[in-house]
């Protein structure tokens, strides 16, 4: 009986200790899964990270759930990265939690323009055909897919955590230096993968999310923006011609989208369809896998 009581007591103590530890954590929120990876790398066990856009969801169409809003009310920091839903929702998050500091990590780096592929559209005006081009200029938010940019972003994460939790400042400094070394190693590995002389790495993507990755390693991203819809037969023929002209060896698709059209194009030009998830949680391993898969097809 005494042994049983002792066991129960130890269990209660353990639970209370865990609860106290959790209560002492700095509460933070991020928009997307890769941001949790970065913030946890710097903050470690001193922080709790809530994610708004769960795996499998799209930052373009996301709307927060009531439970997420409840968790957000406990957060001291929101690390924003510039994904579409933030424009509408960040002011509401601030209204719901007046003490919340919104840190715009994307503002720490220079953005590239996110251009969709130029498609010709025909319009009929009084019996005449007029052709025009659509070429939207939008700031590309996918800065987390470039290791050097992530190193810069994480400086801001480190400094913000130090401001909110100065007692653990040395931990955040040490963690940043350790993570920066990991990023440097990843960057070196990817440079080695793409350093083959005389090789031109070109790939197609439906949603142009890999622009920073391409810019960093001297690749050519051929973006096609279909607004989440499969291309029409005419558009599909245009895309096949475009792929042939550029000798694209791979077509990237995200796990959330259909592979049907990509496979049709790939079969027509002898390219490979590669699943590449820009929102993967295992950030470093994901970039290594993506680079290795692309290099293997060239």
Protein backbone atom coordinates (compact mmCIF):
# COMPACT_ATOMS: atom_id res chain seq x y z
CA UNK A 1 0.00 0.00 0.00
CA UNK A 2 2.84 2.35 0.88
CA UNK A 3 4.52 1.56 -2.46
CA UNK A 4 1.27 2.38 -4.29
CA UNK A 5 0.89 5.71 -2.44
CA UNK A 6 4.52 6.58 -3.16
CA UNK A 7 4.00 5.85 -6.86
CA UNK A 8 0.89 8.03 -6.98
CA UNK A 9 2.71 10.84 -5.18
CA UNK A 10 5.61 10.72 -7.64
CA UNK A 11 3.20 10.80 -10.56
CA UNK A 12 1.43 13.86 -9.13
CA UNK A 13 4.77 15.61 -8.55
CA UNK A 14 5.84 14.86 -12.12
CA UNK A 15 2.58 16.22 -13.55
CA UNK A 16 2.81 19.37 -11.43
CA UNK A 17 6.43 19.89 -12.44
CA UNK A 18 5.55 19.59 -16.13
CA UNK A 19 2.63 21.98 -15.69
CA UNK A 20 4.83 24.52 -13.91
CA UNK A 21 7.46 24.22 -16.63
CA UNK A 22 4.84 24.73 -19.33
CA UNK A 23 3.41 27.70 -17.44
CA UNK A 24 6.86 29.29 -17.38
CA UNK A 25 7.32 29.03 -21.14
CA UNK A 26 7.19 32.08 -23.35
CA UNK A 27 4.05 31.73 -25.50
CA UNK A 28 4.55 32.39 -29.22
CA UNK A 29 2.55 31.84 -32.41
CA UNK A 30 3.67 31.38 -36.01
CA UNK A 31 1.79 31.24 -39.30
CA UNK A 32 3.28 28.14 -40.94
CA UNK A 33 4.99 24.91 -39.90
CA UNK A 34 8.54 25.77 -41.08
CA UNK A 35 8.47 28.84 -38.83
CA UNK A 36 7.90 26.60 -35.82
CA UNK A 37 11.09 24.73 -36.80
CA UNK A 38 13.09 27.98 -36.77
CA UNK A 39 11.61 29.45 -33.61
CA UNK A 40 12.06 26.20 -31.66
CA UNK A 41 15.67 25.99 -32.85
CA UNK A 42 16.33 29.35 -31.19
CA UNK A 43 13.97 29.15 -28.23
CA UNK A 44 14.27 25.47 -27.31
CA UNK A 45 12.35 24.39 -24.22
CA UNK A 46 11.96 27.97 -23.01
CA UNK A 47 9.15 28.64 -25.46
CA UNK A 48 5.88 27.17 -26.65
CA UNK A 49 5.03 27.59 -30.34
CA UNK A 50 1.47 27.54 -31.67
CA UNK A 51 0.93 27.06 -35.43
CA UNK A 52 -1.97 28.68 -37.25
CA UNK A 53 -1.80 26.91 -40.65
CA UNK A 54 -1.71 23.21 -39.86
CA UNK A 55 -0.09 20.63 -42.19
CA UNK A 56 -2.24 20.02 -45.26
CA UNK A 57 -3.84 23.48 -45.16
CA UNK A 58 -3.07 26.37 -47.49
CA UNK A 59 -1.85 29.78 -46.25
CA UNK A 60 -3.84 31.32 -49.12
CA UNK A 61 -7.26 30.05 -48.04
CA UNK A 62 -6.74 29.49 -44.31
CA UNK A 63 -9.11 30.74 -41.62
CA UNK A 64 -8.30 30.22 -37.92
CA UNK A 65 -10.35 27.91 -35.73
CA UNK A 66 -11.85 29.01 -32.38
CA UNK A 67 -9.36 26.89 -30.41
CA UNK A 68 -6.49 28.55 -32.25
CA UNK A 69 -7.84 31.97 -31.41
CA UNK A 70 -8.02 30.91 -27.75
CA UNK A 71 -4.37 29.83 -27.84
CA UNK A 72 -3.46 33.06 -29.59
CA UNK A 73 -4.89 35.03 -26.68
CA UNK A 74 -2.11 33.55 -24.49
CA UNK A 75 0.72 34.44 -26.85
CA UNK A 76 3.13 37.31 -26.29
CA UNK A 77 4.68 37.17 -29.77
CA UNK A 78 3.36 36.46 -33.25
CA UNK A 79 6.04 35.77 -35.84
CA UNK A 80 4.57 36.74 -39.23
CA UNK A 81 6.27 35.78 -42.51
CA UNK A 82 4.10 37.44 -45.18
CA UNK A 83 1.83 34.60 -46.33
CA UNK A 84 -1.55 35.64 -47.86
CA UNK A 85 -3.92 35.12 -44.95
CA UNK A 86 -1.88 37.39 -42.66
CA UNK A 87 -2.93 40.54 -44.49
CA UNK A 88 -6.55 40.11 -43.44
CA UNK A 89 -6.06 38.34 -40.13
CA UNK A 90 -3.13 40.02 -38.37
CA UNK A 91 -5.16 43.15 -37.49
CA UNK A 92 -7.86 40.89 -36.05
CA UNK A 93 -5.28 38.94 -34.05
CA UNK A 94 -4.02 42.21 -32.59
CA UNK A 95 -7.56 43.30 -31.74
CA UNK A 96 -8.19 40.01 -29.96
CA UNK A 97 -4.95 40.26 -27.96
CA UNK A 98 -3.83 43.83 -27.28
CA UNK A 99 -0.60 42.62 -25.64
CA UNK A 100 0.45 40.61 -28.68
CA UNK A 101 3.61 41.83 -30.42
CA UNK A 102 3.51 41.08 -34.14
CA UNK A 103 7.01 40.63 -35.55
CA UNK A 104 7.22 40.79 -39.35
CA UNK A 105 10.15 38.50 -40.08
CA UNK A 106 9.76 38.91 -43.83
CA UNK A 107 10.71 42.57 -43.51
CA UNK A 108 14.25 41.60 -42.49
CA UNK A 109 15.13 40.53 -46.06
CA UNK A 110 14.75 41.89 -49.59
CA UNK A 111 11.86 40.30 -51.47
CA UNK A 112 11.81 39.13 -55.05
CA UNK A 113 8.84 39.70 -57.33
CA UNK A 114 6.55 36.72 -57.63
CA UNK A 115 5.56 36.59 -61.29
CA UNK A 116 3.14 34.15 -62.79
CA UNK A 117 3.90 32.85 -66.26
CA UNK A 118 2.59 35.22 -68.91
CA UNK A 119 -0.46 33.79 -70.67
CA UNK A 120 -2.16 35.34 -73.66
CA UNK A 121 -5.87 35.92 -73.35
CA UNK A 122 -8.07 36.84 -76.28
CA UNK A 123 -10.87 39.33 -75.97
CA UNK A 124 -13.35 40.30 -78.68
CA UNK A 125 -14.20 43.95 -79.10
CA UNK A 126 -16.65 44.78 -81.89
CA UNK A 127 -15.42 42.00 -84.11
CA UNK A 128 -11.74 42.60 -83.42
CA UNK A 129 -9.47 40.33 -81.46
CA UNK A 130 -7.29 41.93 -78.81
CA UNK A 131 -4.56 40.10 -76.95
CA UNK A 132 -3.26 41.17 -73.59
CA UNK A 133 -0.88 39.80 -71.02
CA UNK A 134 -1.36 39.20 -67.35
CA UNK A 135 1.81 39.54 -65.31
CA UNK A 136 1.07 40.28 -61.68
CA UNK A 137 3.87 41.65 -59.51
CA UNK A 138 3.48 40.34 -55.99
CA UNK A 139 6.07 40.11 -53.26
CA UNK A 140 7.14 36.49 -53.01
CA UNK A 141 6.65 35.45 -49.35
CA UNK A 142 8.54 32.11 -49.59
CA UNK A 143 11.75 33.46 -48.06
CA UNK A 144 12.07 30.42 -45.78
CA UNK A 145 13.18 28.28 -48.74
CA UNK A 146 16.57 30.03 -48.94
CA UNK A 147 19.01 29.00 -46.16
CA UNK A 148 20.98 32.29 -46.22
CA UNK A 149 17.74 34.26 -45.80
CA UNK A 150 16.65 31.99 -42.95
CA UNK A 151 19.91 32.76 -41.15
CA UNK A 152 19.05 36.47 -41.36
CA UNK A 153 15.44 35.93 -40.31
CA UNK A 154 16.53 33.97 -37.26
CA UNK A 155 18.62 36.90 -36.04
CA UNK A 156 15.34 38.74 -35.63
CA UNK A 157 13.81 35.72 -33.86
CA UNK A 158 16.78 35.63 -31.46
CA UNK A 159 16.62 39.35 -30.71
CA UNK A 160 12.86 39.26 -30.15
CA UNK A 161 13.09 36.35 -27.71
CA UNK A 162 15.85 38.14 -25.80
CA UNK A 163 13.68 41.26 -25.49
CA UNK A 164 10.80 39.25 -24.06
CA UNK A 165 12.87 36.89 -21.93
CA UNK A 166 16.21 38.55 -21.02
CA UNK A 167 16.86 36.01 -18.26
CA UNK A 168 17.49 33.37 -20.95
CA UNK A 169 19.33 35.62 -23.40
CA UNK A 170 22.52 33.56 -23.39
CA UNK A 171 20.55 30.43 -24.25
CA UNK A 172 18.99 32.17 -27.26
CA UNK A 173 22.39 33.47 -28.38
CA UNK A 174 23.97 30.02 -28.08
CA UNK A 175 21.06 28.34 -29.85
CA UNK A 176 21.22 30.84 -32.69
CA UNK A 177 24.94 30.25 -33.22
CA UNK A 178 24.39 26.50 -33.25
CA UNK A 179 21.53 26.76 -35.72
CA UNK A 180 23.48 29.22 -37.90
CA UNK A 181 26.24 26.59 -38.15
CA UNK A 182 23.65 24.01 -39.21
CA UNK A 183 22.33 26.41 -41.85
CA UNK A 184 25.86 27.01 -43.14
CA UNK A 185 26.37 23.26 -43.48
CA UNK A 186 23.06 22.89 -45.33
CA UNK A 187 23.95 25.78 -47.63
CA UNK A 188 27.33 24.19 -48.37
CA UNK A 189 25.71 20.81 -49.10
CA UNK A 190 23.22 22.35 -51.53
CA UNK A 191 25.91 24.36 -53.29
CA UNK A 192 27.86 21.15 -53.78
CA UNK A 193 24.82 19.37 -55.22
CA UNK A 194 24.24 22.12 -57.79
CA UNK A 195 27.89 22.83 -58.62
CA UNK A 196 28.10 20.51 -61.64
CA UNK A 197 29.78 22.46 -64.42
CA UNK A 198 27.91 22.78 -67.68
CA UNK A 199 24.62 21.68 -66.13
CA UNK A 200 21.61 23.96 -66.35
CA UNK A 201 19.03 23.15 -63.71
CA UNK A 202 15.56 24.10 -64.93
CA UNK A 203 12.30 23.02 -63.39
CA UNK A 204 8.62 23.89 -63.71
CA UNK A 205 6.24 24.60 -60.85
CA UNK A 206 2.52 25.28 -60.80
CA UNK A 207 2.76 27.63 -57.86
CA UNK A 208 6.02 29.60 -58.00
CA UNK A 209 7.11 29.00 -54.43
CA UNK A 210 10.72 27.97 -55.10
CA UNK A 211 12.01 31.26 -56.47
CA UNK A 212 14.35 32.09 -53.57
CA UNK A 213 15.68 28.54 -53.60
CA UNK A 214 16.33 28.86 -57.34
CA UNK A 215 17.96 32.29 -57.01
CA UNK A 216 20.24 31.09 -54.22
CA UNK A 217 21.62 28.10 -56.14
CA UNK A 218 21.62 29.36 -59.71
CA UNK A 219 18.57 27.39 -60.87
CA UNK A 220 15.80 28.41 -63.26
CA UNK A 221 12.25 28.22 -61.97
CA UNK A 222 9.60 28.25 -64.70
CA UNK A 223 6.45 29.35 -62.88
CA UNK A 224 2.90 28.59 -63.98
CA UNK A 225 0.09 30.16 -62.00
CA UNK A 226 -3.25 28.47 -62.46
CA UNK A 227 -4.98 29.85 -59.36
CA UNK A 228 -5.39 26.36 -58.02
CA UNK A 229 -7.22 25.16 -61.15
CA UNK A 230 -6.16 22.57 -63.70
CA UNK A 231 -5.20 24.18 -67.04
CA UNK A 232 -7.56 24.00 -70.00
CA UNK A 233 -6.54 21.82 -72.99
CA UNK A 234 -5.31 24.95 -74.81
CA UNK A 235 -3.30 26.09 -71.80
CA UNK A 236 -1.94 22.60 -71.35
CA UNK A 237 -0.63 22.63 -74.93
CA UNK A 238 1.02 26.00 -74.29
CA UNK A 239 2.66 24.68 -71.15
CA UNK A 240 4.00 21.65 -72.99
CA UNK A 241 5.54 23.93 -75.62
CA UNK A 242 7.03 26.11 -72.90
CA UNK A 243 8.52 23.09 -71.15
CA UNK A 244 10.05 21.84 -74.41
CA UNK A 245 11.58 25.23 -75.23
CA UNK A 246 13.20 25.38 -71.79
CA UNK A 247 14.25 21.71 -71.74
CA UNK A 248 12.71 21.35 -68.29
CA UNK A 249 13.71 18.08 -66.68
CA UNK A 250 11.39 18.21 -63.68
CA UNK A 251 7.98 19.51 -62.67
CA UNK A 252 7.42 20.31 -59.01
CA UNK A 253 3.99 19.72 -57.49
CA UNK A 254 2.86 20.33 -53.94
CA UNK A 255 1.25 17.44 -52.05
CA UNK A 256 -1.97 19.43 -51.71
CA UNK A 257 -2.52 19.67 -55.50
CA UNK A 258 -3.45 17.17 -58.20
CA UNK A 259 -0.60 15.61 -60.20
CA UNK A 260 -2.75 14.92 -63.26
CA UNK A 261 -1.79 17.94 -65.39
CA UNK A 262 1.82 17.81 -64.27
CA UNK A 263 2.02 14.18 -65.28
CA UNK A 264 0.54 14.98 -68.72
CA UNK A 265 3.21 17.61 -69.34
CA UNK A 266 5.96 15.38 -67.96
CA UNK A 267 4.94 12.47 -70.21
CA UNK A 268 4.97 14.78 -73.24
CA UNK A 269 8.51 16.07 -72.67
CA UNK A 270 10.15 13.17 -70.85
CA UNK A 271 10.40 15.01 -67.53
CA UNK A 272 9.88 13.76 -64.00
CA UNK A 273 7.12 14.80 -61.61
CA UNK A 274 8.64 15.58 -58.22
CA UNK A 275 6.64 16.18 -55.07
CA UNK A 276 8.19 19.16 -53.29
CA UNK A 277 6.45 20.55 -50.22
CA UNK A 278 7.45 24.14 -49.37
CA UNK A 279 5.61 23.81 -46.05
CA UNK A 280 7.34 20.64 -44.80
CA UNK A 281 8.11 20.53 -41.08
CA UNK A 282 11.54 18.90 -41.44
CA UNK A 283 12.90 22.01 -43.13
CA UNK A 284 16.59 21.11 -43.59
CA UNK A 285 15.99 17.50 -44.62
CA UNK A 286 13.23 18.64 -46.98
CA UNK A 287 15.57 21.02 -48.83
CA UNK A 288 18.23 18.30 -49.09
CA UNK A 289 15.67 15.83 -50.48
CA UNK A 290 14.37 18.36 -52.98
CA UNK A 291 17.86 19.27 -54.18
CA UNK A 292 18.95 15.64 -54.49
CA UNK A 293 15.79 14.69 -56.42
CA UNK A 294 16.22 17.61 -58.82
CA UNK A 295 19.92 16.94 -59.37
CA UNK A 296 19.22 13.27 -60.05
CA UNK A 297 17.01 14.21 -63.01
CA UNK A 298 19.70 16.33 -64.69
